[in-house]
mmCIF file of all heavy atoms, coordinates in Angstrom:
data_MODEL
# 
_entry.id   MODEL 
# 
loop_
_atom_site.group_PDB 
_atom_site.id 
_atom_site.type_symbol 
_atom_site.label_atom_id 
_atom_site.label_alt_id 
_atom_site.label_comp_id 
_atom_site.label_asym_id 
_atom_site.label_entity_id 
_atom_site.label_seq_id 
_atom_site.pdbx_PDB_ins_code 
_atom_site.Cartn_x 
_atom_site.Cartn_y 
_atom_site.Cartn_z 
_atom_site.occupancy 
_atom_site.B_iso_or_equiv 
_atom_site.pdbx_formal_charge 
_atom_site.auth_seq_id 
_atom_site.auth_comp_id 
_atom_site.auth_asym_id 
_atom_site.auth_atom_id 
_atom_site.pdbx_PDB_model_num 
ATOM 1   N N   . ALA A 1 1  ? -4.610  -21.559 -122.289 1.00 0.00 ? 1  ALA A N   1 
ATOM 2   C CA  . ALA A 1 1  ? -5.131  -22.598 -123.140 1.00 0.00 ? 1  ALA A CA  1 
ATOM 3   C C   . ALA A 1 1  ? -6.406  -22.078 -123.904 1.00 0.00 ? 1  ALA A C   1 
ATOM 4   O O   . ALA A 1 1  ? -6.852  -22.705 -124.885 1.00 0.00 ? 1  ALA A O   1 
ATOM 5   C CB  . ALA A 1 1  ? -5.643  -23.755 -122.144 1.00 0.00 ? 1  ALA A CB  1 
ATOM 6   N N   . TRP A 1 2  ? -6.890  -21.021 -123.449 1.00 0.00 ? 2  TRP A N   1 
ATOM 7   C CA  . TRP A 1 2  ? -8.063  -20.365 -124.166 1.00 0.00 ? 2  TRP A CA  1 
ATOM 8   C C   . TRP A 1 2  ? -7.690  -19.522 -125.385 1.00 0.00 ? 2  TRP A C   1 
ATOM 9   O O   . TRP A 1 2  ? -7.680  -18.314 -125.322 1.00 0.00 ? 2  TRP A O   1 
ATOM 10  C CB  . TRP A 1 2  ? -8.964  -19.604 -123.138 1.00 0.00 ? 2  TRP A CB  1 
ATOM 11  C CG  . TRP A 1 2  ? -9.649  -20.299 -122.189 1.00 0.00 ? 2  TRP A CG  1 
ATOM 12  C CD1 . TRP A 1 2  ? -9.277  -20.669 -120.929 1.00 0.00 ? 2  TRP A CD1 1 
ATOM 13  C CD2 . TRP A 1 2  ? -10.889 -21.121 -122.414 1.00 0.00 ? 2  TRP A CD2 1 
ATOM 14  N NE1 . TRP A 1 2  ? -10.265 -21.492 -120.328 1.00 0.00 ? 2  TRP A NE1 1 
ATOM 15  C CE2 . TRP A 1 2  ? -11.221 -21.775 -121.165 1.00 0.00 ? 2  TRP A CE2 1 
ATOM 16  C CE3 . TRP A 1 2  ? -11.807 -21.244 -123.476 1.00 0.00 ? 2  TRP A CE3 1 
ATOM 17  C CZ2 . TRP A 1 2  ? -12.331 -22.654 -121.063 1.00 0.00 ? 2  TRP A CZ2 1 
ATOM 18  C CZ3 . TRP A 1 2  ? -12.868 -22.032 -123.416 1.00 0.00 ? 2  TRP A CZ3 1 
ATOM 19  C CH2 . TRP A 1 2  ? -13.210 -22.693 -122.063 1.00 0.00 ? 2  TRP A CH2 1 
ATOM 20  N N   . THR A 1 3  ? -7.272  -20.195 -126.383 1.00 0.00 ? 3  THR A N   1 
ATOM 21  C CA  . THR A 1 3  ? -6.904  -19.510 -127.636 1.00 0.00 ? 3  THR A CA  1 
ATOM 22  C C   . THR A 1 3  ? -8.152  -18.940 -128.353 1.00 0.00 ? 3  THR A C   1 
ATOM 23  O O   . THR A 1 3  ? -9.285  -19.291 -127.904 1.00 0.00 ? 3  THR A O   1 
ATOM 24  C CB  . THR A 1 3  ? -6.256  -20.480 -128.628 1.00 0.00 ? 3  THR A CB  1 
ATOM 25  O OG1 . THR A 1 3  ? -7.241  -21.533 -128.822 1.00 0.00 ? 3  THR A OG1 1 
ATOM 26  C CG2 . THR A 1 3  ? -4.969  -21.188 -127.965 1.00 0.00 ? 3  THR A CG2 1 
ATOM 27  N N   . PRO A 1 4  ? -8.043  -18.059 -129.334 1.00 0.00 ? 4  PRO A N   1 
ATOM 28  C CA  . PRO A 1 4  ? -9.288  -17.642 -130.049 1.00 0.00 ? 4  PRO A CA  1 
ATOM 29  C C   . PRO A 1 4  ? -10.087 -18.765 -130.525 1.00 0.00 ? 4  PRO A C   1 
ATOM 30  O O   . PRO A 1 4  ? -11.321 -18.753 -130.516 1.00 0.00 ? 4  PRO A O   1 
ATOM 31  C CB  . PRO A 1 4  ? -8.624  -16.818 -131.160 1.00 0.00 ? 4  PRO A CB  1 
ATOM 32  C CG  . PRO A 1 4  ? -7.310  -16.246 -130.569 1.00 0.00 ? 4  PRO A CG  1 
ATOM 33  C CD  . PRO A 1 4  ? -6.828  -17.400 -129.735 1.00 0.00 ? 4  PRO A CD  1 
ATOM 34  N N   . GLY A 1 5  ? -9.499  -19.817 -131.063 1.00 0.00 ? 5  GLY A N   1 
ATOM 35  C CA  . GLY A 1 5  ? -10.171 -21.003 -131.507 1.00 0.00 ? 5  GLY A CA  1 
ATOM 36  C C   . GLY A 1 5  ? -10.992 -21.658 -130.432 1.00 0.00 ? 5  GLY A C   1 
ATOM 37  O O   . GLY A 1 5  ? -12.086 -22.094 -130.560 1.00 0.00 ? 5  GLY A O   1 
ATOM 38  N N   . ALA A 1 6  ? -10.259 -21.759 -129.229 1.00 0.00 ? 6  ALA A N   1 
ATOM 39  C CA  . ALA A 1 6  ? -10.904 -22.454 -128.142 1.00 0.00 ? 6  ALA A CA  1 
ATOM 40  C C   . ALA A 1 6  ? -12.119 -21.549 -127.545 1.00 0.00 ? 6  ALA A C   1 
ATOM 41  O O   . ALA A 1 6  ? -13.205 -22.210 -127.221 1.00 0.00 ? 6  ALA A O   1 
ATOM 42  C CB  . ALA A 1 6  ? -10.004 -22.667 -126.964 1.00 0.00 ? 6  ALA A CB  1 
ATOM 43  N N   . LEU A 1 7  ? -12.006 -20.334 -127.662 1.00 0.00 ? 7  LEU A N   1 
ATOM 44  C CA  . LEU A 1 7  ? -13.098 -19.440 -127.179 1.00 0.00 ? 7  LEU A CA  1 
ATOM 45  C C   . LEU A 1 7  ? -14.274 -19.461 -128.222 1.00 0.00 ? 7  LEU A C   1 
ATOM 46  O O   . LEU A 1 7  ? -15.460 -19.526 -127.825 1.00 0.00 ? 7  LEU A O   1 
ATOM 47  C CB  . LEU A 1 7  ? -12.612 -17.978 -127.130 1.00 0.00 ? 7  LEU A CB  1 
ATOM 48  C CG  . LEU A 1 7  ? -11.664 -17.661 -125.851 1.00 0.00 ? 7  LEU A CG  1 
ATOM 49  C CD1 . LEU A 1 7  ? -11.227 -16.286 -125.967 1.00 0.00 ? 7  LEU A CD1 1 
ATOM 50  C CD2 . LEU A 1 7  ? -12.421 -17.896 -124.580 1.00 0.00 ? 7  LEU A CD2 1 
ATOM 51  N N   . ASP A 1 8  ? -13.981 -19.587 -129.455 1.00 0.00 ? 8  ASP A N   1 
ATOM 52  C CA  . ASP A 1 8  ? -14.970 -19.810 -130.496 1.00 0.00 ? 8  ASP A CA  1 
ATOM 53  C C   . ASP A 1 8  ? -15.748 -21.165 -130.246 1.00 0.00 ? 8  ASP A C   1 
ATOM 54  O O   . ASP A 1 8  ? -16.985 -21.058 -130.380 1.00 0.00 ? 8  ASP A O   1 
ATOM 55  C CB  . ASP A 1 8  ? -14.346 -19.804 -131.990 1.00 0.00 ? 8  ASP A CB  1 
ATOM 56  C CG  . ASP A 1 8  ? -13.937 -18.508 -132.422 1.00 0.00 ? 8  ASP A CG  1 
ATOM 57  O OD1 . ASP A 1 8  ? -14.475 -17.479 -131.913 1.00 0.00 ? 8  ASP A OD1 1 
ATOM 58  O OD2 . ASP A 1 8  ? -13.163 -18.452 -133.392 1.00 0.00 ? 8  ASP A OD2 1 
ATOM 59  N N   . ALA A 1 9  ? -15.042 -22.209 -129.953 1.00 0.00 ? 9  ALA A N   1 
ATOM 60  C CA  . ALA A 1 9  ? -15.677 -23.463 -129.787 1.00 0.00 ? 9  ALA A CA  1 
ATOM 61  C C   . ALA A 1 9  ? -16.497 -23.392 -128.460 1.00 0.00 ? 9  ALA A C   1 
ATOM 62  O O   . ALA A 1 9  ? -17.614 -23.978 -128.416 1.00 0.00 ? 9  ALA A O   1 
ATOM 63  C CB  . ALA A 1 9  ? -14.582 -24.615 -129.641 1.00 0.00 ? 9  ALA A CB  1 
ATOM 64  N N   . ASP A 1 10 ? -15.968 -22.760 -127.462 1.00 0.00 ? 10 ASP A N   1 
ATOM 65  C CA  . ASP A 1 10 ? -16.787 -22.534 -126.214 1.00 0.00 ? 10 ASP A CA  1 
ATOM 66  C C   . ASP A 1 10 ? -18.104 -21.817 -126.430 1.00 0.00 ? 10 ASP A C   1 
ATOM 67  O O   . ASP A 1 10 ? -19.122 -22.186 -125.962 1.00 0.00 ? 10 ASP A O   1 
ATOM 68  C CB  . ASP A 1 10 ? -15.943 -21.846 -125.219 1.00 0.00 ? 10 ASP A CB  1 
ATOM 69  C CG  . ASP A 1 10 ? -16.529 -21.931 -123.757 1.00 0.00 ? 10 ASP A CG  1 
ATOM 70  O OD1 . ASP A 1 10 ? -16.591 -23.148 -123.346 1.00 0.00 ? 10 ASP A OD1 1 
ATOM 71  O OD2 . ASP A 1 10 ? -16.716 -20.893 -123.129 1.00 0.00 ? 10 ASP A OD2 1 
ATOM 72  N N   . ALA A 1 11 ? -18.033 -20.793 -127.320 1.00 0.00 ? 11 ALA A N   1 
ATOM 73  C CA  . ALA A 1 11 ? -19.249 -20.070 -127.658 1.00 0.00 ? 11 ALA A CA  1 
ATOM 74  C C   . ALA A 1 11 ? -20.233 -20.903 -128.369 1.00 0.00 ? 11 ALA A C   1 
ATOM 75  O O   . ALA A 1 11 ? -21.338 -20.840 -128.129 1.00 0.00 ? 11 ALA A O   1 
ATOM 76  C CB  . ALA A 1 11 ? -18.890 -18.825 -128.472 1.00 0.00 ? 11 ALA A CB  1 
ATOM 77  N N   . ASP A 1 12 ? -19.714 -21.850 -129.231 1.00 0.00 ? 12 ASP A N   1 
ATOM 78  C CA  . ASP A 1 12 ? -20.639 -22.710 -129.974 1.00 0.00 ? 12 ASP A CA  1 
ATOM 79  C C   . ASP A 1 12 ? -21.304 -23.655 -128.935 1.00 0.00 ? 12 ASP A C   1 
ATOM 80  O O   . ASP A 1 12 ? -22.556 -23.922 -129.038 1.00 0.00 ? 12 ASP A O   1 
ATOM 81  C CB  . ASP A 1 12 ? -19.786 -23.607 -130.980 1.00 0.00 ? 12 ASP A CB  1 
ATOM 82  C CG  . ASP A 1 12 ? -19.558 -22.756 -132.236 1.00 0.00 ? 12 ASP A CG  1 
ATOM 83  O OD1 . ASP A 1 12 ? -20.124 -21.706 -132.421 1.00 0.00 ? 12 ASP A OD1 1 
ATOM 84  O OD2 . ASP A 1 12 ? -18.550 -23.149 -132.895 1.00 0.00 ? 12 ASP A OD2 1 
ATOM 85  N N   . ARG A 1 13 ? -20.500 -24.135 -127.937 1.00 0.00 ? 13 ARG A N   1 
ATOM 86  C CA  . ARG A 1 13 ? -21.167 -24.976 -126.970 1.00 0.00 ? 13 ARG A CA  1 
ATOM 87  C C   . ARG A 1 13 ? -22.200 -24.211 -126.171 1.00 0.00 ? 13 ARG A C   1 
ATOM 88  O O   . ARG A 1 13 ? -23.274 -24.748 -125.751 1.00 0.00 ? 13 ARG A O   1 
ATOM 89  C CB  . ARG A 1 13 ? -20.009 -25.444 -125.969 1.00 0.00 ? 13 ARG A CB  1 
ATOM 90  C CG  . ARG A 1 13 ? -19.235 -26.573 -126.488 1.00 0.00 ? 13 ARG A CG  1 
ATOM 91  C CD  . ARG A 1 13 ? -18.313 -27.194 -125.477 1.00 0.00 ? 13 ARG A CD  1 
ATOM 92  N NE  . ARG A 1 13 ? -17.310 -26.317 -124.853 1.00 0.00 ? 13 ARG A NE  1 
ATOM 93  C CZ  . ARG A 1 13 ? -16.204 -26.165 -125.482 1.00 0.00 ? 13 ARG A CZ  1 
ATOM 94  N NH1 . ARG A 1 13 ? -15.740 -26.877 -126.458 1.00 0.00 ? 13 ARG A NH1 1 
ATOM 95  N NH2 . ARG A 1 13 ? -15.298 -25.294 -124.781 1.00 0.00 ? 13 ARG A NH2 1 
ATOM 96  N N   . PHE A 1 14 ? -21.948 -22.935 -125.854 1.00 0.00 ? 14 PHE A N   1 
ATOM 97  C CA  . PHE A 1 14 ? -22.854 -22.130 -125.164 1.00 0.00 ? 14 PHE A CA  1 
ATOM 98  C C   . PHE A 1 14 ? -24.201 -22.017 -125.916 1.00 0.00 ? 14 PHE A C   1 
ATOM 99  O O   . PHE A 1 14 ? -25.290 -22.180 -125.357 1.00 0.00 ? 14 PHE A O   1 
ATOM 100 C CB  . PHE A 1 14 ? -22.270 -20.710 -124.900 1.00 0.00 ? 14 PHE A CB  1 
ATOM 101 C CG  . PHE A 1 14 ? -23.206 -19.689 -124.284 1.00 0.00 ? 14 PHE A CG  1 
ATOM 102 C CD1 . PHE A 1 14 ? -23.559 -19.648 -123.021 1.00 0.00 ? 14 PHE A CD1 1 
ATOM 103 C CD2 . PHE A 1 14 ? -23.788 -18.740 -125.126 1.00 0.00 ? 14 PHE A CD2 1 
ATOM 104 C CE1 . PHE A 1 14 ? -24.445 -18.765 -122.497 1.00 0.00 ? 14 PHE A CE1 1 
ATOM 105 C CE2 . PHE A 1 14 ? -24.694 -17.819 -124.614 1.00 0.00 ? 14 PHE A CE2 1 
ATOM 106 C CZ  . PHE A 1 14 ? -25.007 -17.814 -123.235 1.00 0.00 ? 14 PHE A CZ  1 
ATOM 107 N N   . ARG A 1 15 ? -24.057 -21.744 -127.221 1.00 0.00 ? 15 ARG A N   1 
ATOM 108 C CA  . ARG A 1 15 ? -25.272 -21.500 -128.039 1.00 0.00 ? 15 ARG A CA  1 
ATOM 109 C C   . ARG A 1 15 ? -26.006 -22.866 -128.239 1.00 0.00 ? 15 ARG A C   1 
ATOM 110 O O   . ARG A 1 15 ? -27.216 -22.821 -128.579 1.00 0.00 ? 15 ARG A O   1 
ATOM 111 C CB  . ARG A 1 15 ? -24.919 -20.949 -129.408 1.00 0.00 ? 15 ARG A CB  1 
ATOM 112 C CG  . ARG A 1 15 ? -24.521 -19.440 -129.293 1.00 0.00 ? 15 ARG A CG  1 
ATOM 113 C CD  . ARG A 1 15 ? -24.321 -18.851 -130.709 1.00 0.00 ? 15 ARG A CD  1 
ATOM 114 N NE  . ARG A 1 15 ? -23.029 -19.335 -131.234 1.00 0.00 ? 15 ARG A NE  1 
ATOM 115 C CZ  . ARG A 1 15 ? -21.901 -18.600 -131.145 1.00 0.00 ? 15 ARG A CZ  1 
ATOM 116 N NH1 . ARG A 1 15 ? -21.857 -17.474 -130.467 1.00 0.00 ? 15 ARG A NH1 1 
ATOM 117 N NH2 . ARG A 1 15 ? -20.818 -18.966 -131.719 1.00 0.00 ? 15 ARG A NH2 1 
ATOM 118 N N   . SER A 1 16 ? -25.346 -24.014 -128.045 1.00 0.00 ? 16 SER A N   1 
ATOM 119 C CA  . SER A 1 16 ? -25.992 -25.251 -128.158 1.00 0.00 ? 16 SER A CA  1 
ATOM 120 C C   . SER A 1 16 ? -26.871 -25.526 -126.875 1.00 0.00 ? 16 SER A C   1 
ATOM 121 O O   . SER A 1 16 ? -27.806 -26.411 -126.881 1.00 0.00 ? 16 SER A O   1 
ATOM 122 C CB  . SER A 1 16 ? -25.091 -26.451 -128.388 1.00 0.00 ? 16 SER A CB  1 
ATOM 123 O OG  . SER A 1 16 ? -24.291 -26.709 -127.180 1.00 0.00 ? 16 SER A OG  1 
ATOM 124 N N   . ILE A 1 17 ? -26.580 -24.897 -125.735 1.00 0.00 ? 17 ILE A N   1 
ATOM 125 C CA  . ILE A 1 17 ? -27.271 -25.051 -124.490 1.00 0.00 ? 17 ILE A CA  1 
ATOM 126 C C   . ILE A 1 17 ? -28.282 -23.975 -124.203 1.00 0.00 ? 17 ILE A C   1 
ATOM 127 O O   . ILE A 1 17 ? -29.398 -24.298 -123.735 1.00 0.00 ? 17 ILE A O   1 
ATOM 128 C CB  . ILE A 1 17 ? -26.235 -25.053 -123.293 1.00 0.00 ? 17 ILE A CB  1 
ATOM 129 C CG1 . ILE A 1 17 ? -25.278 -26.274 -123.426 1.00 0.00 ? 17 ILE A CG1 1 
ATOM 130 C CG2 . ILE A 1 17 ? -26.926 -25.142 -121.933 1.00 0.00 ? 17 ILE A CG2 1 
ATOM 131 C CD1 . ILE A 1 17 ? -23.990 -26.157 -122.564 1.00 0.00 ? 17 ILE A CD1 1 
ATOM 132 N N   . TYR A 1 18 ? -28.076 -22.787 -124.672 1.00 0.00 ? 18 TYR A N   1 
ATOM 133 C CA  . TYR A 1 18 ? -28.854 -21.695 -124.358 1.00 0.00 ? 18 TYR A CA  1 
ATOM 134 C C   . TYR A 1 18 ? -29.432 -21.019 -125.649 1.00 0.00 ? 18 TYR A C   1 
ATOM 135 O O   . TYR A 1 18 ? -28.755 -20.877 -126.668 1.00 0.00 ? 18 TYR A O   1 
ATOM 136 C CB  . TYR A 1 18 ? -28.035 -20.532 -123.654 1.00 0.00 ? 18 TYR A CB  1 
ATOM 137 C CG  . TYR A 1 18 ? -27.722 -20.866 -122.225 1.00 0.00 ? 18 TYR A CG  1 
ATOM 138 C CD1 . TYR A 1 18 ? -26.525 -21.307 -121.867 1.00 0.00 ? 18 TYR A CD1 1 
ATOM 139 C CD2 . TYR A 1 18 ? -28.588 -20.444 -121.149 1.00 0.00 ? 18 TYR A CD2 1 
ATOM 140 C CE1 . TYR A 1 18 ? -26.127 -21.548 -120.650 1.00 0.00 ? 18 TYR A CE1 1 
ATOM 141 C CE2 . TYR A 1 18 ? -28.245 -20.711 -119.935 1.00 0.00 ? 18 TYR A CE2 1 
ATOM 142 C CZ  . TYR A 1 18 ? -27.041 -21.213 -119.550 1.00 0.00 ? 18 TYR A CZ  1 
ATOM 143 O OH  . TYR A 1 18 ? -26.664 -21.386 -118.255 1.00 0.00 ? 18 TYR A OH  1 
ATOM 144 N N   . LEU A 1 19 ? -30.739 -20.584 -125.570 1.00 0.00 ? 19 LEU A N   1 
ATOM 145 C CA  . LEU A 1 19 ? -31.051 -19.505 -126.489 1.00 0.00 ? 19 LEU A CA  1 
ATOM 146 C C   . LEU A 1 19 ? -30.481 -18.224 -125.943 1.00 0.00 ? 19 LEU A C   1 
ATOM 147 O O   . LEU A 1 19 ? -30.106 -18.157 -124.849 1.00 0.00 ? 19 LEU A O   1 
ATOM 148 C CB  . LEU A 1 19 ? -32.542 -19.399 -126.475 1.00 0.00 ? 19 LEU A CB  1 
ATOM 149 C CG  . LEU A 1 19 ? -33.449 -20.525 -127.098 1.00 0.00 ? 19 LEU A CG  1 
ATOM 150 C CD1 . LEU A 1 19 ? -34.872 -20.297 -126.839 1.00 0.00 ? 19 LEU A CD1 1 
ATOM 151 C CD2 . LEU A 1 19 ? -33.114 -20.737 -128.481 1.00 0.00 ? 19 LEU A CD2 1 
ATOM 152 N N   . PRO A 1 20 ? -30.356 -17.151 -126.826 1.00 0.00 ? 20 PRO A N   1 
ATOM 153 C CA  . PRO A 1 20 ? -29.766 -15.932 -126.454 1.00 0.00 ? 20 PRO A CA  1 
ATOM 154 C C   . PRO A 1 20 ? -30.406 -15.490 -125.078 1.00 0.00 ? 20 PRO A C   1 
ATOM 155 O O   . PRO A 1 20 ? -31.676 -15.536 -124.977 1.00 0.00 ? 20 PRO A O   1 
ATOM 156 C CB  . PRO A 1 20 ? -29.939 -14.980 -127.581 1.00 0.00 ? 20 PRO A CB  1 
ATOM 157 C CG  . PRO A 1 20 ? -30.060 -15.845 -128.802 1.00 0.00 ? 20 PRO A CG  1 
ATOM 158 C CD  . PRO A 1 20 ? -30.721 -17.138 -128.344 1.00 0.00 ? 20 PRO A CD  1 
ATOM 159 N N   . VAL A 1 21 ? -29.589 -14.985 -124.182 1.00 0.00 ? 21 VAL A N   1 
ATOM 160 C CA  . VAL A 1 21 ? -30.075 -14.444 -122.865 1.00 0.00 ? 21 VAL A CA  1 
ATOM 161 C C   . VAL A 1 21 ? -30.077 -12.958 -123.069 1.00 0.00 ? 21 VAL A C   1 
ATOM 162 O O   . VAL A 1 21 ? -29.077 -12.305 -122.948 1.00 0.00 ? 21 VAL A O   1 
ATOM 163 C CB  . VAL A 1 21 ? -29.252 -14.908 -121.721 1.00 0.00 ? 21 VAL A CB  1 
ATOM 164 C CG1 . VAL A 1 21 ? -29.703 -14.362 -120.324 1.00 0.00 ? 21 VAL A CG1 1 
ATOM 165 C CG2 . VAL A 1 21 ? -29.014 -16.467 -121.784 1.00 0.00 ? 21 VAL A CG2 1 
ATOM 166 N N   . PRO A 1 22 ? -31.280 -12.375 -123.228 1.00 0.00 ? 22 PRO A N   1 
ATOM 167 C CA  . PRO A 1 22 ? -31.243 -10.938 -123.668 1.00 0.00 ? 22 PRO A CA  1 
ATOM 168 C C   . PRO A 1 22 ? -31.206 -9.936  -122.465 1.00 0.00 ? 22 PRO A C   1 
ATOM 169 O O   . PRO A 1 22 ? -30.889 -8.777  -122.679 1.00 0.00 ? 22 PRO A O   1 
ATOM 170 C CB  . PRO A 1 22 ? -32.561 -10.802 -124.392 1.00 0.00 ? 22 PRO A CB  1 
ATOM 171 C CG  . PRO A 1 22 ? -33.538 -11.829 -123.750 1.00 0.00 ? 22 PRO A CG  1 
ATOM 172 C CD  . PRO A 1 22 ? -32.591 -12.917 -123.429 1.00 0.00 ? 22 PRO A CD  1 
ATOM 173 N N   . ILE A 1 23 ? -31.602 -10.430 -121.299 1.00 0.00 ? 23 ILE A N   1 
ATOM 174 C CA  . ILE A 1 23 ? -31.699 -9.375  -120.185 1.00 0.00 ? 23 ILE A CA  1 
ATOM 175 C C   . ILE A 1 23 ? -31.769 -10.116 -118.883 1.00 0.00 ? 23 ILE A C   1 
ATOM 176 O O   . ILE A 1 23 ? -32.326 -11.218 -118.707 1.00 0.00 ? 23 ILE A O   1 
ATOM 177 C CB  . ILE A 1 23 ? -32.993 -8.579  -120.433 1.00 0.00 ? 23 ILE A CB  1 
ATOM 178 C CG1 . ILE A 1 23 ? -32.975 -7.276  -119.481 1.00 0.00 ? 23 ILE A CG1 1 
ATOM 179 C CG2 . ILE A 1 23 ? -34.275 -9.338  -120.107 1.00 0.00 ? 23 ILE A CG2 1 
ATOM 180 C CD1 . ILE A 1 23 ? -31.800 -6.316  -119.707 1.00 0.00 ? 23 ILE A CD1 1 
ATOM 181 N N   . LEU A 1 24 ? -31.122 -9.413  -117.852 1.00 0.00 ? 24 LEU A N   1 
ATOM 182 C CA  . LEU A 1 24 ? -31.240 -9.855  -116.496 1.00 0.00 ? 24 LEU A CA  1 
ATOM 183 C C   . LEU A 1 24 ? -31.255 -8.484  -115.601 1.00 0.00 ? 24 LEU A C   1 
ATOM 184 O O   . LEU A 1 24 ? -30.810 -7.419  -116.074 1.00 0.00 ? 24 LEU A O   1 
ATOM 185 C CB  . LEU A 1 24 ? -30.031 -10.689 -115.931 1.00 0.00 ? 24 LEU A CB  1 
ATOM 186 C CG  . LEU A 1 24 ? -29.864 -12.093 -116.550 1.00 0.00 ? 24 LEU A CG  1 
ATOM 187 C CD1 . LEU A 1 24 ? -28.592 -12.693 -115.901 1.00 0.00 ? 24 LEU A CD1 1 
ATOM 188 C CD2 . LEU A 1 24 ? -30.974 -12.913 -116.178 1.00 0.00 ? 24 LEU A CD2 1 
ATOM 189 N N   . PRO A 1 25 ? -31.855 -8.624  -114.393 1.00 0.00 ? 25 PRO A N   1 
ATOM 190 C CA  . PRO A 1 25 ? -31.652 -7.464  -113.527 1.00 0.00 ? 25 PRO A CA  1 
ATOM 191 C C   . PRO A 1 25 ? -30.263 -7.149  -113.186 1.00 0.00 ? 25 PRO A C   1 
ATOM 192 O O   . PRO A 1 25 ? -29.459 -8.117  -113.046 1.00 0.00 ? 25 PRO A O   1 
ATOM 193 C CB  . PRO A 1 25 ? -32.502 -7.856  -112.266 1.00 0.00 ? 25 PRO A CB  1 
ATOM 194 C CG  . PRO A 1 25 ? -33.290 -8.969  -112.665 1.00 0.00 ? 25 PRO A CG  1 
ATOM 195 C CD  . PRO A 1 25 ? -32.481 -9.721  -113.742 1.00 0.00 ? 25 PRO A CD  1 
ATOM 196 N N   . PRO A 1 26 ? -29.864 -5.925  -112.980 1.00 0.00 ? 26 PRO A N   1 
ATOM 197 C CA  . PRO A 1 26 ? -28.377 -5.654  -112.621 1.00 0.00 ? 26 PRO A CA  1 
ATOM 198 C C   . PRO A 1 26 ? -27.774 -6.450  -111.430 1.00 0.00 ? 26 PRO A C   1 
ATOM 199 O O   . PRO A 1 26 ? -26.567 -6.828  -111.613 1.00 0.00 ? 26 PRO A O   1 
ATOM 200 C CB  . PRO A 1 26 ? -28.438 -4.119  -112.375 1.00 0.00 ? 26 PRO A CB  1 
ATOM 201 C CG  . PRO A 1 26 ? -29.498 -3.691  -113.179 1.00 0.00 ? 26 PRO A CG  1 
ATOM 202 C CD  . PRO A 1 26 ? -30.586 -4.742  -113.064 1.00 0.00 ? 26 PRO A CD  1 
# 
């Protein structure tokens, strides 16, 4: 069900919730 279009839309939802997450400890 995760077509390229669905993944694109999911990434848009992610960016609407988060600012870019640049770093975490390993």
